[in-house]
Amino acid sequence: MKYKILYIEDNPDNMTLVKRALEARGYEFLWAPNGLQGIEIVEAQHPDVILLDINLPDIDGYEVARRLR
């Protein structure tokens, strides 16, 4: 089974680093550049794990976590 990991991060350098590390270990990598898109991806893709930045351009990570609960 290939686990899906969603990374909600607005910094492209951080995203690239984490993407390379996770894909090298065989995980399916999903990425959202902001909180609202992250929520949409969760609803559509149902990832197994979510890595969530706190400082996002639209809604902060705390609000994303509240909405996903």
N, C-alpha and C. Protein backbone atom coordinates (compact mmCIF):
# COMPACT_ATOMS: atom_id res chain seq x y z
N MET A 1 0.84 -1.18 0.00
CA MET A 1 0.00 0.00 0.00
C MET A 1 0.89 1.25 0.00
N LYS A 2 0.58 2.15 -0.89
CA LYS A 2 1.33 3.40 -0.99
C LYS A 2 0.57 4.49 -0.23
N TYR A 3 1.19 5.02 0.84
CA TYR A 3 0.54 6.04 1.64
C TYR A 3 0.58 7.38 0.94
N LYS A 4 -0.55 8.13 1.07
CA LYS A 4 -0.65 9.48 0.51
C LYS A 4 -0.36 10.47 1.62
N ILE A 5 0.56 11.37 1.35
CA ILE A 5 0.90 12.42 2.31
C ILE A 5 0.66 13.77 1.65
N LEU A 6 -0.17 14.57 2.29
CA LEU A 6 -0.45 15.93 1.82
C LEU A 6 0.41 16.90 2.60
N TYR A 7 1.10 17.76 1.88
CA TYR A 7 1.91 18.81 2.49
C TYR A 7 1.29 20.15 2.11
N ILE A 8 0.81 20.88 3.10
CA ILE A 8 0.22 22.20 2.87
C ILE A 8 1.29 23.22 3.25
N GLU A 9 1.88 23.82 2.23
CA GLU A 9 3.07 24.68 2.41
C GLU A 9 3.12 25.69 1.28
N ASP A 10 3.35 26.96 1.61
CA ASP A 10 3.41 27.99 0.59
C ASP A 10 4.82 28.29 0.10
N ASN A 11 5.83 27.75 0.75
CA ASN A 11 7.21 28.00 0.34
C ASN A 11 7.67 26.90 -0.62
N PRO A 12 7.93 27.25 -1.89
CA PRO A 12 8.29 26.22 -2.87
C PRO A 12 9.60 25.49 -2.57
N ASP A 13 10.55 26.15 -1.92
CA ASP A 13 11.80 25.47 -1.56
C ASP A 13 11.56 24.37 -0.53
N ASN A 14 10.76 24.69 0.49
CA ASN A 14 10.42 23.68 1.50
C ASN A 14 9.65 22.53 0.86
N MET A 15 8.71 22.87 -0.02
CA MET A 15 7.91 21.86 -0.69
C MET A 15 8.80 20.90 -1.48
N THR A 16 9.75 21.44 -2.22
CA THR A 16 10.64 20.60 -3.04
C THR A 16 11.47 19.67 -2.17
N LEU A 17 11.99 20.17 -1.08
CA LEU A 17 12.80 19.36 -0.18
C LEU A 17 11.99 18.19 0.40
N VAL A 18 10.81 18.49 0.91
CA VAL A 18 9.98 17.45 1.51
C VAL A 18 9.49 16.47 0.44
N LYS A 19 9.14 16.98 -0.73
CA LYS A 19 8.69 16.11 -1.82
C LYS A 19 9.77 15.09 -2.19
N ARG A 20 10.97 15.54 -2.36
CA ARG A 20 12.07 14.63 -2.71
C ARG A 20 12.28 13.57 -1.63
N ALA A 21 12.25 13.98 -0.38
CA ALA A 21 12.47 13.04 0.72
C ALA A 21 11.36 11.99 0.79
N LEU A 22 10.11 12.42 0.64
CA LEU A 22 9.00 11.48 0.75
C LEU A 22 8.90 10.56 -0.46
N GLU A 23 9.05 11.10 -1.64
CA GLU A 23 8.97 10.26 -2.84
C GLU A 23 10.11 9.25 -2.90
N ALA A 24 11.28 9.62 -2.39
CA ALA A 24 12.42 8.69 -2.36
C ALA A 24 12.12 7.50 -1.45
N ARG A 25 11.20 7.68 -0.50
CA ARG A 25 10.83 6.60 0.41
C ARG A 25 9.55 5.89 -0.04
N GLY A 26 9.06 6.24 -1.22
CA GLY A 26 7.93 5.52 -1.80
C GLY A 26 6.54 6.05 -1.48
N TYR A 27 6.46 7.22 -0.84
CA TYR A 27 5.15 7.78 -0.53
C TYR A 27 4.58 8.53 -1.73
N GLU A 28 3.26 8.57 -1.82
CA GLU A 28 2.60 9.41 -2.81
C GLU A 28 2.51 10.81 -2.22
N PHE A 29 3.01 11.80 -2.94
CA PHE A 29 3.10 13.16 -2.43
C PHE A 29 2.01 14.03 -3.04
N LEU A 30 1.25 14.69 -2.19
CA LEU A 30 0.25 15.67 -2.61
C LEU A 30 0.66 17.01 -2.01
N TRP A 31 0.42 18.09 -2.73
CA TRP A 31 0.85 19.40 -2.24
C TRP A 31 -0.22 20.44 -2.50
N ALA A 32 -0.39 21.33 -1.52
CA ALA A 32 -1.28 22.47 -1.66
C ALA A 32 -0.51 23.72 -1.23
N PRO A 33 -0.60 24.80 -2.01
CA PRO A 33 0.13 26.02 -1.67
C PRO A 33 -0.57 26.93 -0.66
N ASN A 34 -1.81 26.59 -0.28
CA ASN A 34 -2.52 27.39 0.72
C ASN A 34 -3.55 26.52 1.44
N GLY A 35 -4.12 27.05 2.48
CA GLY A 35 -5.04 26.29 3.31
C GLY A 35 -6.32 25.86 2.64
N LEU A 36 -6.92 26.76 1.87
CA LEU A 36 -8.19 26.42 1.22
C LEU A 36 -8.01 25.31 0.19
N GLN A 37 -6.95 25.37 -0.59
CA GLN A 37 -6.68 24.29 -1.54
C GLN A 37 -6.36 23.00 -0.80
N GLY A 38 -5.69 23.09 0.33
CA GLY A 38 -5.40 21.92 1.13
C GLY A 38 -6.67 21.22 1.59
N ILE A 39 -7.64 22.00 2.04
CA ILE A 39 -8.92 21.44 2.46
C ILE A 39 -9.61 20.75 1.29
N GLU A 40 -9.57 21.35 0.12
CA GLU A 40 -10.18 20.74 -1.08
C GLU A 40 -9.51 19.40 -1.41
N ILE A 41 -8.18 19.36 -1.31
CA ILE A 41 -7.46 18.12 -1.60
C ILE A 41 -7.80 17.04 -0.58
N VAL A 42 -7.93 17.41 0.68
CA VAL A 42 -8.31 16.44 1.71
C VAL A 42 -9.66 15.83 1.37
N GLU A 43 -10.62 16.65 1.00
CA GLU A 43 -11.96 16.17 0.69
C GLU A 43 -11.97 15.27 -0.55
N ALA A 44 -11.11 15.56 -1.53
CA ALA A 44 -11.11 14.79 -2.77
C ALA A 44 -10.20 13.56 -2.72
N GLN A 45 -9.05 13.66 -2.06
CA GLN A 45 -8.03 12.61 -2.12
C GLN A 45 -7.92 11.75 -0.86
N HIS A 46 -8.42 12.22 0.27
CA HIS A 46 -8.36 11.50 1.55
C HIS A 46 -6.95 11.01 1.88
N PRO A 47 -6.01 11.94 2.09
CA PRO A 47 -4.64 11.53 2.40
C PRO A 47 -4.55 10.81 3.75
N ASP A 48 -3.51 9.99 3.90
CA ASP A 48 -3.29 9.27 5.14
C ASP A 48 -2.65 10.16 6.21
N VAL A 49 -1.83 11.11 5.77
CA VAL A 49 -1.12 12.02 6.67
C VAL A 49 -1.15 13.42 6.08
N ILE A 50 -1.26 14.42 6.94
CA ILE A 50 -1.21 15.82 6.50
C ILE A 50 -0.09 16.51 7.26
N LEU A 51 0.84 17.10 6.52
CA LEU A 51 1.88 17.97 7.09
C LEU A 51 1.41 19.40 6.84
N LEU A 52 1.29 20.19 7.88
CA LEU A 52 0.61 21.47 7.77
C LEU A 52 1.47 22.61 8.30
N ASP A 53 1.74 23.57 7.43
CA ASP A 53 2.43 24.80 7.83
C ASP A 53 1.45 25.67 8.61
N ILE A 54 1.95 26.45 9.53
CA ILE A 54 1.09 27.33 10.31
C ILE A 54 0.87 28.66 9.60
N ASN A 55 1.93 29.23 9.02
CA ASN A 55 1.83 30.53 8.34
C ASN A 55 1.54 30.33 6.86
N LEU A 56 0.28 30.47 6.50
CA LEU A 56 -0.15 30.31 5.11
C LEU A 56 -0.75 31.62 4.63
N PRO A 57 -0.79 31.84 3.31
CA PRO A 57 -1.23 33.13 2.79
C PRO A 57 -2.73 33.43 2.95
N ASP A 58 -3.59 32.43 3.02
CA ASP A 58 -5.02 32.72 3.09
C ASP A 58 -5.57 32.50 4.51
N ILE A 59 -5.69 31.28 4.94
CA ILE A 59 -6.08 31.00 6.32
C ILE A 59 -4.90 30.28 6.98
N ASP A 60 -4.71 30.49 8.27
CA ASP A 60 -3.54 29.88 8.91
C ASP A 60 -3.77 28.39 9.18
N GLY A 61 -2.69 27.73 9.52
CA GLY A 61 -2.74 26.29 9.74
C GLY A 61 -3.67 25.88 10.86
N TYR A 62 -3.81 26.72 11.87
CA TYR A 62 -4.72 26.42 12.96
C TYR A 62 -6.17 26.36 12.46
N GLU A 63 -6.52 27.29 11.60
CA GLU A 63 -7.87 27.32 11.03
C GLU A 63 -8.09 26.11 10.12
N VAL A 64 -7.08 25.75 9.34
CA VAL A 64 -7.19 24.55 8.49
C VAL A 64 -7.46 23.33 9.37
N ALA A 65 -6.72 23.18 10.45
CA ALA A 65 -6.90 22.04 11.35
C ALA A 65 -8.31 22.05 11.96
N ARG A 66 -8.78 23.21 12.36
CA ARG A 66 -10.14 23.32 12.92
C ARG A 66 -11.18 22.86 11.91
N ARG A 67 -11.04 23.30 10.68
CA ARG A 67 -12.04 22.95 9.66
C ARG A 67 -11.99 21.46 9.29
N LEU A 68 -10.82 20.88 9.38
CA LEU A 68 -10.70 19.45 9.03
C LEU A 68 -11.19 18.54 10.14
N ARG A 69 -11.21 19.01 11.35
CA ARG A 69 -11.71 18.19 12.47
C ARG A 69 -13.18 18.02 12.31
